[in-house]
N, C-alpha and C. Protein backbone atom coordinates (compact mmCIF):
# COMPACT_ATOMS: atom_id res chain seq x y z
N MET A 1 17.18 -19.08 13.14
CA MET A 1 18.51 -19.40 13.24
C MET A 1 19.39 -18.02 13.18
N MET A 2 20.37 -17.99 14.14
CA MET A 2 21.20 -16.69 14.20
C MET A 2 22.05 -16.62 12.91
N ASP A 3 22.46 -17.84 12.19
CA ASP A 3 23.21 -17.81 11.11
C ASP A 3 22.54 -17.15 9.89
N SER A 4 21.27 -17.10 9.88
CA SER A 4 20.56 -16.59 8.70
C SER A 4 20.96 -15.13 8.59
N PRO A 5 21.23 -14.74 7.30
CA PRO A 5 21.56 -13.35 7.19
C PRO A 5 20.33 -12.40 7.37
N GLN A 6 20.57 -11.19 7.72
CA GLN A 6 19.62 -10.15 7.86
C GLN A 6 19.68 -9.27 6.60
N TYR A 7 18.52 -9.06 5.98
CA TYR A 7 18.51 -8.11 4.80
C TYR A 7 17.94 -6.74 5.43
N LEU A 8 18.69 -5.70 5.15
CA LEU A 8 18.26 -4.42 5.70
C LEU A 8 17.97 -3.50 4.51
N PHE A 9 16.71 -3.39 4.30
CA PHE A 9 16.15 -2.33 3.29
C PHE A 9 16.25 -1.05 3.83
N LEU A 10 17.12 -0.08 3.25
CA LEU A 10 17.41 1.14 3.78
C LEU A 10 17.21 2.22 2.79
N ASP A 11 16.56 3.40 3.24
CA ASP A 11 16.31 4.47 2.41
C ASP A 11 16.49 5.75 3.17
N PHE A 12 17.12 6.76 2.59
CA PHE A 12 17.40 7.96 3.21
C PHE A 12 16.92 9.07 2.40
N GLU A 13 16.42 10.21 3.03
CA GLU A 13 16.10 11.49 2.26
C GLU A 13 17.24 12.50 2.67
N PHE A 14 17.53 13.42 1.84
CA PHE A 14 18.64 14.24 1.99
C PHE A 14 18.35 15.78 1.91
N THR A 15 19.18 16.57 2.40
CA THR A 15 19.05 18.03 2.28
C THR A 15 19.23 18.41 0.78
N MET A 16 18.68 19.51 0.34
CA MET A 16 18.91 19.99 -0.94
C MET A 16 19.19 21.47 -0.98
N PRO A 17 20.06 21.96 -1.92
CA PRO A 17 20.33 23.33 -2.00
C PRO A 17 19.20 24.01 -2.65
N GLU A 18 19.14 25.36 -2.42
CA GLU A 18 18.12 26.09 -2.86
C GLU A 18 17.99 26.08 -4.47
N THR A 19 19.10 26.06 -4.99
CA THR A 19 19.20 26.13 -6.52
C THR A 19 20.13 24.97 -6.94
N LYS A 20 20.18 24.69 -8.07
CA LYS A 20 21.00 23.60 -8.78
C LYS A 20 22.54 23.94 -8.47
N THR A 21 22.78 25.19 -8.32
CA THR A 21 24.09 25.60 -8.11
C THR A 21 24.38 25.46 -6.59
N ASN A 22 25.12 24.50 -6.23
CA ASN A 22 25.36 24.32 -4.84
C ASN A 22 26.13 25.50 -4.20
N PRO A 23 25.60 25.94 -2.97
CA PRO A 23 26.42 26.92 -2.17
C PRO A 23 27.78 26.35 -1.80
N ASN A 24 28.75 27.34 -1.44
CA ASN A 24 30.12 26.94 -1.02
C ASN A 24 30.13 25.86 -0.05
N GLY A 25 30.68 24.88 -0.25
CA GLY A 25 30.81 23.83 0.85
C GLY A 25 29.61 22.84 1.03
N PHE A 26 28.56 23.14 0.23
CA PHE A 26 27.38 22.44 0.48
C PHE A 26 27.58 20.89 0.10
N CYS A 27 27.01 19.93 0.90
CA CYS A 27 26.93 18.56 0.71
C CYS A 27 25.70 18.06 1.12
N PRO A 28 25.09 17.07 0.41
CA PRO A 28 23.80 16.34 0.89
C PRO A 28 24.01 15.80 2.22
N GLU A 29 23.00 16.06 3.07
CA GLU A 29 23.10 15.44 4.47
C GLU A 29 21.74 14.61 4.66
N ILE A 30 21.88 13.49 5.41
CA ILE A 30 20.67 12.70 5.70
C ILE A 30 19.72 13.49 6.68
N ILE A 31 18.39 13.46 6.36
CA ILE A 31 17.53 14.04 7.22
C ILE A 31 16.46 13.28 7.45
N GLU A 32 16.23 12.06 6.83
CA GLU A 32 15.29 11.09 7.17
C GLU A 32 15.76 9.64 6.99
N VAL A 33 15.37 8.76 7.78
CA VAL A 33 15.83 7.32 7.55
C VAL A 33 14.52 6.51 7.76
N GLY A 34 14.56 5.47 6.92
CA GLY A 34 13.62 4.44 6.91
C GLY A 34 14.13 3.11 6.63
N LEU A 35 13.94 2.12 7.52
CA LEU A 35 14.57 0.80 7.26
C LEU A 35 13.57 -0.36 7.72
N VAL A 36 13.67 -1.38 6.93
CA VAL A 36 13.15 -2.64 7.23
C VAL A 36 13.99 -3.76 7.26
N ALA A 37 13.99 -4.46 8.41
CA ALA A 37 14.87 -5.69 8.59
C ALA A 37 14.08 -6.91 8.41
N VAL A 38 14.80 -7.83 7.52
CA VAL A 38 14.09 -9.05 7.20
C VAL A 38 15.02 -10.17 7.24
N VAL A 39 14.53 -11.25 8.02
CA VAL A 39 15.26 -12.50 8.11
C VAL A 39 14.36 -13.72 7.70
N ASP A 40 14.96 -14.53 6.87
CA ASP A 40 14.19 -15.73 6.39
C ASP A 40 12.78 -15.41 5.91
N ASP A 41 12.79 -14.30 5.07
CA ASP A 41 11.51 -13.76 4.44
C ASP A 41 10.49 -13.27 5.39
N GLN A 42 11.02 -12.99 6.58
CA GLN A 42 10.06 -12.47 7.64
C GLN A 42 10.48 -11.04 8.15
N ILE A 43 9.72 -10.10 8.18
CA ILE A 43 10.01 -8.75 8.79
C ILE A 43 10.07 -8.82 10.15
N ILE A 44 11.28 -8.53 10.71
CA ILE A 44 11.66 -8.54 12.21
C ILE A 44 11.66 -7.25 12.74
N GLY A 45 11.72 -6.28 11.92
CA GLY A 45 11.71 -4.80 12.52
C GLY A 45 11.67 -3.84 11.52
N GLN A 46 11.39 -2.66 11.96
CA GLN A 46 11.28 -1.33 11.12
C GLN A 46 11.51 -0.27 11.97
N PHE A 47 12.03 0.82 11.27
CA PHE A 47 12.38 2.00 11.89
C PHE A 47 12.23 3.26 11.13
N SER A 48 11.83 4.33 11.60
CA SER A 48 11.66 5.63 10.82
C SER A 48 11.96 6.74 11.72
N SER A 49 12.70 7.81 11.24
CA SER A 49 12.92 8.95 12.05
C SER A 49 13.51 9.98 11.22
N TYR A 50 13.21 11.23 11.61
CA TYR A 50 13.85 12.43 10.97
C TYR A 50 15.28 12.52 11.62
N VAL A 51 16.24 13.10 10.85
CA VAL A 51 17.46 13.24 11.31
C VAL A 51 17.98 14.66 11.08
N LYS A 52 18.67 15.21 12.30
CA LYS A 52 19.09 16.66 12.29
C LYS A 52 20.56 16.66 11.52
N PRO A 53 20.54 17.50 10.46
CA PRO A 53 21.87 17.58 9.76
C PRO A 53 22.92 18.44 10.52
N LEU A 54 24.17 18.17 10.34
CA LEU A 54 25.26 18.76 11.08
C LEU A 54 25.57 20.05 10.48
N ARG A 55 26.08 20.02 9.12
CA ARG A 55 26.67 21.15 8.55
C ARG A 55 25.60 22.32 8.07
N PHE A 56 24.52 21.91 7.60
CA PHE A 56 23.48 22.85 7.08
C PHE A 56 22.25 22.57 7.85
N PRO A 57 21.96 22.95 9.09
CA PRO A 57 20.88 22.57 9.82
C PRO A 57 19.53 23.18 9.34
N GLN A 58 19.58 24.26 8.68
CA GLN A 58 18.45 25.00 8.20
C GLN A 58 18.01 24.58 6.81
N LEU A 59 16.97 23.88 6.66
CA LEU A 59 16.47 23.37 5.34
C LEU A 59 16.17 24.47 4.39
N THR A 60 16.43 24.34 3.16
CA THR A 60 16.07 25.32 2.12
C THR A 60 14.51 25.10 1.83
N GLU A 61 13.94 26.11 1.31
CA GLU A 61 12.52 26.15 0.86
C GLU A 61 12.28 25.07 -0.21
N ARG A 62 13.13 24.94 -1.03
CA ARG A 62 13.16 23.86 -2.04
C ARG A 62 13.04 22.52 -1.46
N CYS A 63 13.93 22.29 -0.54
CA CYS A 63 14.00 21.01 0.16
C CYS A 63 12.72 20.67 0.90
N LYS A 64 12.25 21.63 1.51
CA LYS A 64 10.93 21.47 2.36
C LYS A 64 9.65 21.33 1.40
N SER A 65 9.69 21.91 0.32
CA SER A 65 8.73 21.60 -0.57
C SER A 65 8.74 20.35 -1.26
N PHE A 66 9.88 20.09 -1.78
CA PHE A 66 10.05 18.76 -2.52
C PHE A 66 9.82 17.39 -1.55
N LEU A 67 10.23 17.57 -0.30
CA LEU A 67 10.02 16.40 0.61
C LEU A 67 8.75 16.55 1.50
N ASN A 68 8.11 17.73 1.34
CA ASN A 68 6.90 17.84 2.07
C ASN A 68 7.07 17.74 3.68
N ILE A 69 8.18 18.40 4.06
CA ILE A 69 8.54 18.33 5.56
C ILE A 69 8.68 19.77 6.18
N THR A 70 8.76 19.90 7.33
CA THR A 70 8.94 21.16 8.03
C THR A 70 10.18 21.16 8.69
N GLN A 71 10.73 22.41 8.96
CA GLN A 71 11.94 22.57 9.98
C GLN A 71 11.66 22.00 11.22
N GLU A 72 10.53 22.17 11.79
CA GLU A 72 10.17 21.73 13.16
C GLU A 72 10.43 20.21 13.28
N GLN A 73 10.03 19.43 12.22
CA GLN A 73 10.11 17.98 12.16
C GLN A 73 11.50 17.58 12.15
N ILE A 74 12.34 18.26 11.45
CA ILE A 74 13.87 17.94 11.44
C ILE A 74 14.40 18.27 12.62
N ASP A 75 14.17 19.49 13.38
CA ASP A 75 14.73 19.84 14.55
C ASP A 75 14.39 18.97 15.77
N SER A 76 13.29 18.22 15.59
CA SER A 76 12.83 17.17 16.69
C SER A 76 13.43 15.76 16.44
N GLY A 77 14.21 15.69 15.34
CA GLY A 77 14.66 14.30 14.92
C GLY A 77 15.89 13.94 15.71
N MET A 78 16.37 12.67 15.41
CA MET A 78 17.54 12.16 16.22
C MET A 78 18.82 12.83 15.52
N SER A 79 19.87 12.85 16.28
CA SER A 79 21.27 13.31 15.75
C SER A 79 21.69 12.25 14.74
N PHE A 80 22.66 12.73 14.01
CA PHE A 80 23.33 11.97 13.20
C PHE A 80 24.07 10.80 13.88
N TYR A 81 24.80 11.18 14.96
CA TYR A 81 25.51 10.19 15.68
C TYR A 81 24.63 9.12 16.27
N GLU A 82 23.45 9.48 16.67
CA GLU A 82 22.38 8.50 16.94
C GLU A 82 22.02 7.56 15.89
N LEU A 83 21.96 8.07 14.74
CA LEU A 83 21.62 7.35 13.61
C LEU A 83 22.69 6.24 13.35
N VAL A 84 23.88 6.75 13.22
CA VAL A 84 25.13 5.69 12.98
C VAL A 84 25.21 4.77 14.09
N SER A 85 24.86 5.04 15.37
CA SER A 85 24.84 4.03 16.44
C SER A 85 23.72 2.97 16.26
N LEU A 86 22.57 3.51 15.75
CA LEU A 86 21.38 2.56 15.44
C LEU A 86 21.82 1.55 14.32
N LEU A 87 22.29 2.16 13.26
CA LEU A 87 22.67 1.35 12.18
C LEU A 87 23.86 0.33 12.50
N ARG A 88 24.72 0.81 13.27
CA ARG A 88 25.79 -0.16 13.80
C ARG A 88 25.27 -1.36 14.60
N GLN A 89 24.26 -0.97 15.43
CA GLN A 89 23.55 -2.03 16.28
C GLN A 89 22.87 -3.07 15.36
N TYR A 90 22.18 -2.67 14.25
CA TYR A 90 21.57 -3.67 13.39
C TYR A 90 22.66 -4.49 12.65
N ASP A 91 23.84 -3.81 12.40
CA ASP A 91 24.96 -4.63 11.74
C ASP A 91 25.58 -5.66 12.66
N ARG A 92 25.60 -5.36 13.87
CA ARG A 92 26.24 -6.25 14.96
C ARG A 92 25.27 -7.40 15.35
N GLU A 93 24.11 -7.29 15.11
CA GLU A 93 23.09 -8.30 15.67
C GLU A 93 23.30 -9.64 14.90
N ARG A 94 23.61 -9.58 13.58
CA ARG A 94 23.61 -10.80 12.76
C ARG A 94 24.30 -10.34 11.49
N PRO A 95 24.79 -11.31 10.65
CA PRO A 95 25.38 -11.02 9.43
C PRO A 95 24.38 -10.13 8.49
N THR A 96 24.74 -9.05 8.08
CA THR A 96 23.73 -8.05 7.47
C THR A 96 24.16 -7.65 6.08
N ILE A 97 23.22 -7.80 5.17
CA ILE A 97 23.24 -7.34 3.75
C ILE A 97 22.48 -6.13 3.65
N VAL A 98 23.03 -4.99 3.33
CA VAL A 98 22.21 -3.78 3.18
C VAL A 98 21.80 -3.62 1.68
N ILE A 99 20.46 -3.34 1.58
CA ILE A 99 19.89 -3.23 0.19
C ILE A 99 19.29 -1.84 0.01
N THR A 100 19.68 -1.13 -0.91
CA THR A 100 19.13 0.20 -1.30
C THR A 100 18.78 0.21 -2.73
N TRP A 101 17.94 1.22 -3.10
CA TRP A 101 17.52 1.45 -4.53
C TRP A 101 18.47 2.60 -5.01
N GLY A 102 19.59 2.07 -5.62
CA GLY A 102 20.57 3.01 -6.15
C GLY A 102 21.72 3.20 -5.20
N GLY A 103 22.73 3.83 -5.61
CA GLY A 103 23.96 3.99 -4.88
C GLY A 103 24.13 5.14 -4.06
N MET A 104 23.16 5.95 -4.12
CA MET A 104 23.41 7.42 -3.43
C MET A 104 23.20 7.30 -2.01
N ASP A 105 22.51 6.35 -1.49
CA ASP A 105 22.21 6.38 -0.06
C ASP A 105 23.67 5.97 0.70
N MET A 106 24.28 4.86 0.15
CA MET A 106 25.44 4.55 0.73
C MET A 106 26.51 5.64 0.57
N LYS A 107 26.60 6.22 -0.59
CA LYS A 107 27.57 7.13 -0.84
C LYS A 107 27.44 8.39 0.14
N VAL A 108 26.16 8.85 0.26
CA VAL A 108 26.05 10.01 1.22
C VAL A 108 26.23 9.67 2.62
N LEU A 109 25.83 8.47 3.06
CA LEU A 109 26.17 7.87 4.48
C LEU A 109 27.71 7.95 4.68
N ARG A 110 28.47 7.55 3.63
CA ARG A 110 29.89 7.37 3.79
C ARG A 110 30.51 8.89 3.92
N GLU A 111 30.05 9.70 3.12
CA GLU A 111 30.42 11.16 3.03
C GLU A 111 30.09 11.87 4.50
N ASN A 112 28.85 11.65 4.89
CA ASN A 112 28.44 12.19 6.15
C ASN A 112 29.23 11.54 7.40
N CYS A 113 29.53 10.32 7.32
CA CYS A 113 30.38 9.78 8.36
C CYS A 113 31.76 10.35 8.41
N ARG A 114 32.36 10.51 7.23
CA ARG A 114 33.69 11.04 7.08
C ARG A 114 33.70 12.45 7.51
N SER A 115 32.61 13.33 7.28
CA SER A 115 32.54 14.70 7.72
C SER A 115 32.33 14.76 9.16
N ALA A 116 31.58 13.83 9.80
CA ALA A 116 31.37 13.85 11.24
C ALA A 116 32.47 13.04 11.99
N GLN A 117 33.26 12.51 11.20
CA GLN A 117 34.58 11.89 11.93
C GLN A 117 34.06 10.52 12.73
N VAL A 118 33.03 9.89 12.11
CA VAL A 118 32.73 8.64 12.77
C VAL A 118 32.79 7.46 11.99
N GLU A 119 32.98 6.28 12.44
CA GLU A 119 33.23 5.15 11.64
C GLU A 119 31.86 4.69 10.88
N PHE A 120 32.03 4.27 9.62
CA PHE A 120 31.08 3.77 8.91
C PHE A 120 30.38 2.67 9.55
N PRO A 121 29.03 2.44 9.61
CA PRO A 121 28.39 1.51 10.50
C PRO A 121 28.32 0.12 9.92
N PHE A 122 28.48 -0.01 8.72
CA PHE A 122 28.17 -1.35 8.08
C PHE A 122 29.60 -2.06 7.71
N THR A 123 29.56 -3.39 7.93
CA THR A 123 30.65 -4.15 7.58
C THR A 123 30.47 -5.20 6.57
N GLY A 124 29.35 -5.55 6.26
CA GLY A 124 28.94 -6.55 5.39
C GLY A 124 28.61 -6.01 3.91
N GLU A 125 27.95 -6.84 3.11
CA GLU A 125 27.64 -6.62 1.66
C GLU A 125 26.74 -5.48 1.44
N HIS A 126 26.79 -4.76 0.46
CA HIS A 126 25.78 -3.85 0.06
C HIS A 126 25.37 -4.16 -1.39
N ARG A 127 23.98 -4.31 -1.55
CA ARG A 127 23.45 -4.57 -2.88
C ARG A 127 22.61 -3.34 -3.36
N ASP A 128 22.93 -2.95 -4.52
CA ASP A 128 22.24 -1.88 -5.22
C ASP A 128 21.06 -2.50 -6.04
N LEU A 129 19.98 -2.54 -5.47
CA LEU A 129 18.77 -3.15 -6.14
C LEU A 129 18.31 -2.63 -7.43
N ALA A 130 18.55 -1.14 -7.47
CA ALA A 130 18.13 -0.58 -8.89
C ALA A 130 19.08 -1.02 -9.96
N MET A 131 20.44 -1.36 -9.75
CA MET A 131 21.37 -1.80 -10.76
C MET A 131 21.00 -3.30 -11.03
N GLU A 132 20.61 -4.10 -9.96
CA GLU A 132 20.18 -5.51 -10.25
C GLU A 132 19.05 -5.54 -11.06
N TYR A 133 17.97 -4.68 -10.87
CA TYR A 133 16.80 -4.66 -11.63
C TYR A 133 17.27 -4.17 -13.13
N LYS A 134 18.02 -3.36 -13.24
CA LYS A 134 18.33 -2.85 -14.63
C LYS A 134 19.08 -4.03 -15.40
N ARG A 135 19.92 -4.82 -14.69
CA ARG A 135 20.65 -5.75 -15.37
C ARG A 135 19.81 -6.98 -15.66
N PHE A 136 18.85 -7.30 -14.78
CA PHE A 136 17.85 -8.45 -14.85
C PHE A 136 17.04 -8.27 -16.09
N PHE A 137 16.57 -7.05 -16.30
CA PHE A 137 15.61 -6.86 -17.43
C PHE A 137 16.20 -6.31 -18.65
N GLY A 138 17.66 -5.93 -18.45
CA GLY A 138 18.39 -5.52 -19.77
C GLY A 138 18.01 -4.24 -20.10
N ASN A 139 17.58 -3.42 -19.15
CA ASN A 139 17.22 -1.98 -19.36
C ASN A 139 18.40 -1.06 -19.67
N LYS A 140 18.40 -0.04 -20.56
CA LYS A 140 19.43 0.78 -20.75
C LYS A 140 19.56 1.74 -19.70
N ASN A 141 18.63 2.25 -19.20
CA ASN A 141 18.51 3.25 -18.12
C ASN A 141 18.01 2.74 -16.71
N GLN A 142 18.46 3.40 -15.58
CA GLN A 142 18.02 2.96 -14.35
C GLN A 142 16.57 3.39 -14.15
N THR A 143 15.74 2.49 -13.74
CA THR A 143 14.33 2.75 -13.43
C THR A 143 14.04 3.37 -12.14
N ALA A 144 13.24 4.34 -12.02
CA ALA A 144 12.73 4.76 -10.78
C ALA A 144 12.08 3.88 -9.97
N LEU A 145 12.25 3.97 -8.56
CA LEU A 145 11.77 2.95 -7.64
C LEU A 145 10.29 2.74 -7.86
N ARG A 146 9.53 3.68 -7.84
CA ARG A 146 7.92 3.56 -7.93
C ARG A 146 7.56 3.13 -9.38
N LYS A 147 8.31 3.44 -10.37
CA LYS A 147 8.03 3.05 -11.75
C LYS A 147 8.32 1.54 -11.72
N ALA A 148 9.30 0.95 -11.13
CA ALA A 148 9.73 -0.39 -11.16
C ALA A 148 8.71 -1.15 -10.52
N VAL A 149 8.09 -0.84 -9.44
CA VAL A 149 7.12 -1.60 -8.73
C VAL A 149 5.85 -1.69 -9.74
N GLN A 150 5.51 -0.64 -10.37
CA GLN A 150 4.35 -0.45 -11.21
C GLN A 150 4.51 -1.31 -12.44
N GLU A 151 5.75 -1.36 -12.83
CA GLU A 151 5.99 -2.36 -14.13
C GLU A 151 5.72 -3.81 -13.68
N TYR A 152 5.56 -4.12 -12.53
CA TYR A 152 5.35 -5.48 -12.06
C TYR A 152 3.82 -5.61 -11.71
N GLY A 153 3.08 -4.52 -11.98
CA GLY A 153 1.74 -4.57 -11.74
C GLY A 153 1.25 -4.37 -10.29
N ASN A 154 2.28 -3.91 -9.49
CA ASN A 154 1.97 -3.64 -8.08
C ASN A 154 2.00 -2.14 -7.72
N GLU A 155 1.44 -1.67 -6.62
CA GLU A 155 1.42 -0.37 -6.21
C GLU A 155 2.46 -0.25 -5.07
N ALA A 156 3.07 0.95 -5.20
CA ALA A 156 4.17 1.35 -4.31
C ALA A 156 3.52 1.60 -2.86
N VAL A 157 4.27 1.48 -1.89
CA VAL A 157 3.84 1.59 -0.47
C VAL A 157 3.75 3.08 -0.16
N GLY A 158 2.68 3.52 0.42
CA GLY A 158 2.63 4.93 0.95
C GLY A 158 2.93 5.99 -0.07
N LYS A 159 3.57 7.00 0.31
CA LYS A 159 3.92 8.13 -0.54
C LYS A 159 5.47 8.10 -1.03
N ALA A 160 5.70 8.88 -2.08
CA ALA A 160 6.92 9.02 -2.43
C ALA A 160 7.84 9.81 -1.60
N HIS A 161 9.17 9.64 -1.51
CA HIS A 161 9.97 10.43 -0.72
C HIS A 161 9.63 10.44 0.71
N CYS A 162 8.98 9.31 1.19
CA CYS A 162 8.81 9.07 2.61
C CYS A 162 9.77 7.87 2.77
N ALA A 163 10.95 7.94 3.66
CA ALA A 163 11.93 6.99 3.76
C ALA A 163 11.37 5.68 4.14
N LEU A 164 10.52 5.52 5.07
CA LEU A 164 10.09 4.14 5.43
C LEU A 164 9.17 3.59 4.25
N ASP A 165 8.30 4.33 3.70
CA ASP A 165 7.56 3.83 2.52
C ASP A 165 8.40 3.31 1.46
N ASP A 166 9.42 4.11 1.11
CA ASP A 166 10.33 3.74 0.05
C ASP A 166 11.10 2.45 0.35
N ALA A 167 11.47 2.32 1.65
CA ALA A 167 12.07 1.05 2.01
C ALA A 167 11.26 -0.17 1.92
N PHE A 168 9.96 0.01 2.27
CA PHE A 168 9.03 -1.08 2.04
C PHE A 168 8.76 -1.35 0.57
N THR A 169 8.75 -0.43 -0.20
CA THR A 169 8.62 -0.57 -1.66
C THR A 169 9.85 -1.22 -2.29
N ALA A 170 11.09 -1.00 -1.78
CA ALA A 170 12.16 -1.62 -2.25
C ALA A 170 12.13 -3.19 -1.75
N TYR A 171 11.73 -3.35 -0.67
CA TYR A 171 11.52 -4.85 -0.08
C TYR A 171 10.52 -5.49 -1.14
N THR A 172 9.44 -4.84 -1.53
CA THR A 172 8.48 -5.43 -2.36
C THR A 172 9.07 -5.84 -3.68
N ILE A 173 9.83 -5.05 -4.27
CA ILE A 173 10.48 -5.19 -5.62
C ILE A 173 11.53 -6.45 -5.42
N PHE A 174 12.29 -6.33 -4.35
CA PHE A 174 13.24 -7.35 -4.09
C PHE A 174 12.61 -8.82 -4.07
N ARG A 175 11.53 -8.91 -3.37
CA ARG A 175 10.75 -10.16 -3.36
C ARG A 175 10.35 -10.69 -4.66
N LEU A 176 9.72 -9.68 -5.59
CA LEU A 176 9.28 -10.05 -6.93
C LEU A 176 10.45 -10.51 -7.82
N VAL A 177 11.54 -9.84 -7.75
CA VAL A 177 12.60 -10.07 -8.59
C VAL A 177 13.37 -11.31 -8.17
N GLU A 178 13.45 -11.61 -6.87
CA GLU A 178 14.01 -12.90 -6.44
C GLU A 178 13.24 -14.02 -6.83
N ASN A 179 11.82 -13.80 -6.70
CA ASN A 179 10.96 -15.06 -7.19
C ASN A 179 11.14 -15.23 -8.63
N ASP A 180 11.30 -14.28 -9.52
CA ASP A 180 11.54 -14.46 -10.87
C ASP A 180 12.89 -15.15 -11.17
N LYS A 181 13.87 -14.71 -10.31
CA LYS A 181 15.13 -15.47 -10.50
C LYS A 181 15.00 -16.94 -10.10
N LYS A 182 14.34 -17.29 -9.12
CA LYS A 182 14.12 -18.73 -8.71
C LYS A 182 13.33 -19.38 -9.73
N TYR A 183 12.41 -18.85 -10.36
CA TYR A 183 11.71 -19.47 -11.43
C TYR A 183 12.54 -19.75 -12.66
N LEU A 184 13.32 -18.80 -12.97
CA LEU A 184 14.06 -18.94 -14.22
C LEU A 184 15.20 -20.08 -14.02
N ALA A 185 15.58 -20.14 -12.64
CA ALA A 185 16.64 -21.14 -12.22
C ALA A 185 16.15 -22.46 -12.33
N LYS A 186 14.80 -22.64 -12.03
CA LYS A 186 14.02 -23.98 -12.08
C LYS A 186 13.75 -24.43 -13.47
N THR A 187 13.67 -23.51 -14.37
CA THR A 187 13.19 -23.79 -15.77
C THR A 187 14.37 -24.75 -16.43
N LYS A 188 14.00 -25.92 -16.80
CA LYS A 188 14.81 -26.70 -17.63
C LYS A 188 15.30 -26.22 -18.93
N PRO A 189 16.50 -26.44 -19.11
CA PRO A 189 16.99 -26.06 -20.58
C PRO A 189 16.32 -26.89 -21.69
N PRO A 190 15.99 -26.29 -22.80
CA PRO A 190 15.41 -27.05 -23.77
C PRO A 190 16.14 -28.12 -24.37
N THR A 191 15.67 -29.16 -24.83
CA THR A 191 16.23 -30.37 -25.38
C THR A 191 16.85 -30.02 -26.90
N ILE A 192 17.61 -30.77 -27.48
CA ILE A 192 18.07 -30.39 -28.78
C ILE A 192 16.74 -30.49 -29.82
N GLY A 193 15.99 -31.33 -29.51
CA GLY A 193 14.69 -31.57 -30.37
C GLY A 193 13.82 -30.25 -30.16
N GLU A 194 13.72 -29.65 -29.08
CA GLU A 194 12.92 -28.39 -28.93
C GLU A 194 13.69 -27.27 -29.53
N ARG A 195 14.98 -27.29 -29.57
CA ARG A 195 15.66 -26.13 -30.22
C ARG A 195 15.60 -26.23 -31.74
N ILE A 196 15.47 -27.42 -32.34
CA ILE A 196 15.71 -27.51 -33.78
C ILE A 196 14.46 -28.30 -34.26
N ASP A 197 13.76 -27.71 -35.25
CA ASP A 197 12.65 -28.22 -35.92
C ASP A 197 13.12 -29.45 -36.74
N LEU A 198 13.09 -30.64 -36.13
CA LEU A 198 13.49 -31.80 -36.82
C LEU A 198 12.73 -32.21 -38.22
N THR A 199 11.54 -31.79 -38.33
CA THR A 199 10.87 -32.06 -39.50
C THR A 199 11.36 -31.34 -40.71
N GLN A 200 11.72 -30.06 -40.48
CA GLN A 200 12.35 -29.26 -41.51
C GLN A 200 13.86 -29.89 -41.81
N LEU A 201 14.42 -30.29 -40.69
CA LEU A 201 15.76 -30.76 -40.87
C LEU A 201 15.79 -31.99 -41.76
N ARG A 202 14.90 -32.96 -41.52
CA ARG A 202 14.73 -34.16 -42.28
C ARG A 202 14.48 -33.83 -43.81
N LYS A 203 13.55 -32.88 -44.10
CA LYS A 203 13.36 -32.38 -45.39
C LYS A 203 14.55 -31.84 -46.10
N LYS A 204 15.40 -31.33 -45.33
CA LYS A 204 16.54 -30.74 -45.93
C LYS A 204 17.55 -31.84 -46.37
N PHE A 205 17.73 -32.73 -45.62
CA PHE A 205 18.59 -33.72 -45.92
C PHE A 205 17.95 -34.81 -46.93
N ALA A 206 16.73 -34.83 -47.09
CA ALA A 206 16.06 -35.76 -48.07
C ALA A 206 16.06 -35.26 -49.47
N LEU A 207 16.46 -33.99 -49.60
CA LEU A 207 16.42 -33.47 -50.98
C LEU A 207 17.74 -33.91 -51.77
């Protein structure tokens, strides 16, 4: 049904400065995108591509080493404008809920759109799955994506810091957490007799 919402599991990888001290004017830019589109619990599409940054096109050695990518891979990627057009197309096809692990992905996308002077591609809801996971389990700190799936006794998809693999891993966690929510919702509240030990209560009043 076209009325069914589309869940878009989205992950980006970003540029990194050579040192922790950012060079003048540096800002993170999207250099890889991975997404998984799901409707009615069925995967209807997936996409992966490198993305050419606009402001700082040359990757630092730190970035290439950390993400295990080459300058040539980035140079052959899609433009940022093509990425925004693609995301906007997903958003227009049906009501879309974007799901990311953490808030950084949407923050950088907004900043990159502002810098490139293009309209933000999404019009619907955004859900931070990492924050939902933290609240659901009552954790004090935010759990890393791959640690979260391991806490469920599952293995993460593919390799870390591969955008598409991380998008699939986020989808895996989403299904696990949603199933737990449904299970808890179906659990009947305890009766007054289950909450109170009536035997001990009777003894107390018999004294």
